Amino acid sequence: MSEIVEKVEKALDTIRPYLEADGGNVKVLEIDEEMNVILELMGNCGSCPMSTMTLKAGVEEAIKRDVPEIKSVHAVNVTAPDDPNAKLPFVN
């Protein structure tokens, strides 16, 4: 299983610069026996109303592209776009 974790981390490293540029990051919490990845969105990613899009279009795509054994990717703290507690991104 450690080989799969390494592959997932390597896939995440390809998108981390983009997450970090917006003050966020992602952490692998678990990869279960069914090959489901459980993540935590960190920093701004954890409270951003676009976190669902980031998870699906960025994080999940990168992982599944590089680690085809992975069946699904979930985050424990995805913020819904209509969440009143979501922090809107700073717009200048």
C-alpha atoms as a PDB file:
ATOM      1  CA  MET A   1       0.000   0.000   0.000  1.00  0.00           C
ATOM      2  CA  SER A   2       2.909   2.373   0.620  1.00  0.00           C
ATOM      3  CA  GLU A   3       3.686   2.279  -3.116  1.00  0.00           C
ATOM      4  CA  ILE A   4       0.165   3.561  -3.861  1.00  0.00           C
ATOM      5  CA  VAL A   5       0.523   6.311  -1.243  1.00  0.00           C
ATOM      6  CA  GLU A   6       3.790   7.396  -2.875  1.00  0.00           C
ATOM      7  CA  LYS A   7       2.144   7.479  -6.313  1.00  0.00           C
ATOM      8  CA  VAL A   8      -0.774   9.540  -4.977  1.00  0.00           C
ATOM      9  CA  GLU A   9       1.595  11.988  -3.253  1.00  0.00           C
ATOM     10  CA  LYS A  10       3.596  12.323  -6.478  1.00  0.00           C
ATOM     11  CA  ALA A  11       0.381  13.054  -8.410  1.00  0.00           C
ATOM     12  CA  LEU A  12      -0.598  15.658  -5.811  1.00  0.00           C
ATOM     13  CA  ASP A  13       2.828  17.275  -6.111  1.00  0.00           C
ATOM     14  CA  THR A  14       1.947  18.164  -9.723  1.00  0.00           C
ATOM     15  CA  ILE A  15      -0.959  20.357  -8.584  1.00  0.00           C
ATOM     16  CA  ARG A  16       0.265  21.553  -5.177  1.00  0.00           C
ATOM     17  CA  PRO A  17       1.929  24.685  -6.599  1.00  0.00           C
ATOM     18  CA  TYR A  18      -1.482  25.846  -7.858  1.00  0.00           C
ATOM     19  CA  LEU A  19      -3.149  25.141  -4.520  1.00  0.00           C
ATOM     20  CA  GLU A  20      -0.321  26.824  -2.608  1.00  0.00           C
ATOM     21  CA  ALA A  21      -0.524  29.894  -4.852  1.00  0.00           C
ATOM     22  CA  ASP A  22      -4.056  30.405  -3.504  1.00  0.00           C
ATOM     23  CA  GLY A  23      -3.034  29.730   0.108  1.00  0.00           C
ATOM     24  CA  GLY A  24      -4.151  26.114   0.206  1.00  0.00           C
ATOM     25  CA  ASN A  25      -2.905  22.569   0.103  1.00  0.00           C
ATOM     26  CA  VAL A  26      -4.136  18.990   0.351  1.00  0.00           C
ATOM     27  CA  LYS A  27      -3.271  16.172   2.741  1.00  0.00           C
ATOM     28  CA  VAL A  28      -3.844  12.435   2.253  1.00  0.00           C
ATOM     29  CA  LEU A  29      -5.663  11.065   5.289  1.00  0.00           C
ATOM     30  CA  GLU A  30      -6.306   7.530   4.113  1.00  0.00           C
ATOM     31  CA  ILE A  31      -6.330   5.165   1.175  1.00  0.00           C
ATOM     32  CA  ASP A  32      -8.621   2.267   2.004  1.00  0.00           C
ATOM     33  CA  GLU A  33      -8.544  -1.316   0.738  1.00  0.00           C
ATOM     34  CA  GLU A  34     -11.110  -0.482  -1.960  1.00  0.00           C
ATOM     35  CA  MET A  35      -8.653   2.122  -3.322  1.00  0.00           C
ATOM     36  CA  ASN A  36     -10.653   5.172  -2.253  1.00  0.00           C
ATOM     37  CA  VAL A  37      -8.578   8.215  -1.322  1.00  0.00           C
ATOM     38  CA  ILE A  38      -9.719  10.365   1.592  1.00  0.00           C
ATOM     39  CA  LEU A  39      -8.184  13.844   1.640  1.00  0.00           C
ATOM     40  CA  GLU A  40      -8.283  16.970   3.731  1.00  0.00           C
ATOM     41  CA  LEU A  41      -8.288  20.289   1.921  1.00  0.00           C
ATOM     42  CA  MET A  42      -6.093  22.648   3.919  1.00  0.00           C
ATOM     43  CA  GLY A  43      -5.715  26.409   4.259  1.00  0.00           C
ATOM     44  CA  ASN A  44      -7.883  28.444   1.903  1.00  0.00           C
ATOM     45  CA  CYS A  45      -8.888  25.289   0.017  1.00  0.00           C
ATOM     46  CA  GLY A  46     -10.775  24.026   3.074  1.00  0.00           C
ATOM     47  CA  SER A  47     -13.096  27.034   3.188  1.00  0.00           C
ATOM     48  CA  CYS A  48     -13.261  28.093  -0.456  1.00  0.00           C
ATOM     49  CA  PRO A  49     -16.653  27.942  -2.179  1.00  0.00           C
ATOM     50  CA  MET A  50     -14.845  26.519  -5.231  1.00  0.00           C
ATOM     51  CA  SER A  51     -13.415  23.563  -3.268  1.00  0.00           C
ATOM     52  CA  THR A  52     -15.813  21.095  -4.913  1.00  0.00           C
ATOM     53  CA  MET A  53     -14.571  22.164  -8.343  1.00  0.00           C
ATOM     54  CA  THR A  54     -10.941  22.065  -7.197  1.00  0.00           C
ATOM     55  CA  LEU A  55     -11.411  18.560  -5.815  1.00  0.00           C
ATOM     56  CA  LYS A  56     -13.111  17.136  -8.911  1.00  0.00           C
ATOM     57  CA  ALA A  57     -11.428  19.006 -11.776  1.00  0.00           C
ATOM     58  CA  GLY A  58      -7.960  19.296 -10.269  1.00  0.00           C
ATOM     59  CA  VAL A  59      -7.123  16.925  -7.456  1.00  0.00           C
ATOM     60  CA  GLU A  60      -9.188  13.896  -8.484  1.00  0.00           C
ATOM     61  CA  GLU A  61      -8.198  14.219 -12.140  1.00  0.00           C
ATOM     62  CA  ALA A  62      -4.486  14.368 -11.295  1.00  0.00           C
ATOM     63  CA  ILE A  63      -4.681  11.358  -8.989  1.00  0.00           C
ATOM     64  CA  LYS A  64      -6.718   9.164 -11.352  1.00  0.00           C
ATOM     65  CA  ARG A  65      -4.521  10.112 -14.315  1.00  0.00           C
ATOM     66  CA  ASP A  66      -1.318   9.088 -12.527  1.00  0.00           C
ATOM     67  CA  VAL A  67      -2.707   6.293 -10.329  1.00  0.00           C
ATOM     68  CA  PRO A  68      -5.399   4.444 -12.314  1.00  0.00           C
ATOM     69  CA  GLU A  69      -5.848   1.922  -9.477  1.00  0.00           C
ATOM     70  CA  ILE A  70      -7.655   4.610  -7.466  1.00  0.00           C
ATOM     71  CA  LYS A  71     -11.450   4.249  -7.671  1.00  0.00           C
ATOM     72  CA  SER A  72     -12.588   7.485  -6.018  1.00  0.00           C
ATOM     73  CA  VAL A  73     -11.336  10.625  -4.296  1.00  0.00           C
ATOM     74  CA  HIS A  74     -13.186  12.317  -1.440  1.00  0.00           C
ATOM     75  CA  ALA A  75     -12.407  15.190   0.903  1.00  0.00           C
ATOM     76  CA  VAL A  76     -13.624  15.362   4.491  1.00  0.00           C
ATOM     77  CA  ASN A  77     -14.109  19.132   4.360  1.00  0.00           C
ATOM     78  CA  VAL A  78     -15.415  20.234   0.969  1.00  0.00           C
ATOM     79  CA  THR A  79     -17.295  23.539   1.180  1.00  0.00           C
ATOM     80  CA  ALA A  80     -20.517  23.833  -0.780  1.00  0.00           C
ATOM     81  CA  PRO A  81     -20.796  26.981  -2.940  1.00  0.00           C
ATOM     82  CA  ASP A  82     -23.907  28.088  -1.020  1.00  0.00           C
ATOM     83  CA  ASP A  83     -22.362  27.546   2.446  1.00  0.00           C
ATOM     84  CA  PRO A  84     -22.880  30.796   4.416  1.00  0.00           C
ATOM     85  CA  ASN A  85     -19.637  30.097   6.319  1.00  0.00           C
ATOM     86  CA  ALA A  86     -17.548  29.846   3.149  1.00  0.00           C
ATOM     87  CA  LYS A  87     -14.878  32.461   2.737  1.00  0.00           C
ATOM     88  CA  LEU A  88     -15.052  34.175  -0.616  1.00  0.00           C
ATOM     89  CA  PRO A  89     -11.730  34.558  -2.411  1.00  0.00           C
ATOM     90  CA  PHE A  90     -10.145  37.967  -2.218  1.00  0.00           C
ATOM     91  CA  VAL A  91     -10.866  39.948  -5.368  1.00  0.00           C
ATOM     92  CA  ASN A  92      -8.851  43.073  -6.055  1.00  0.00           C
END
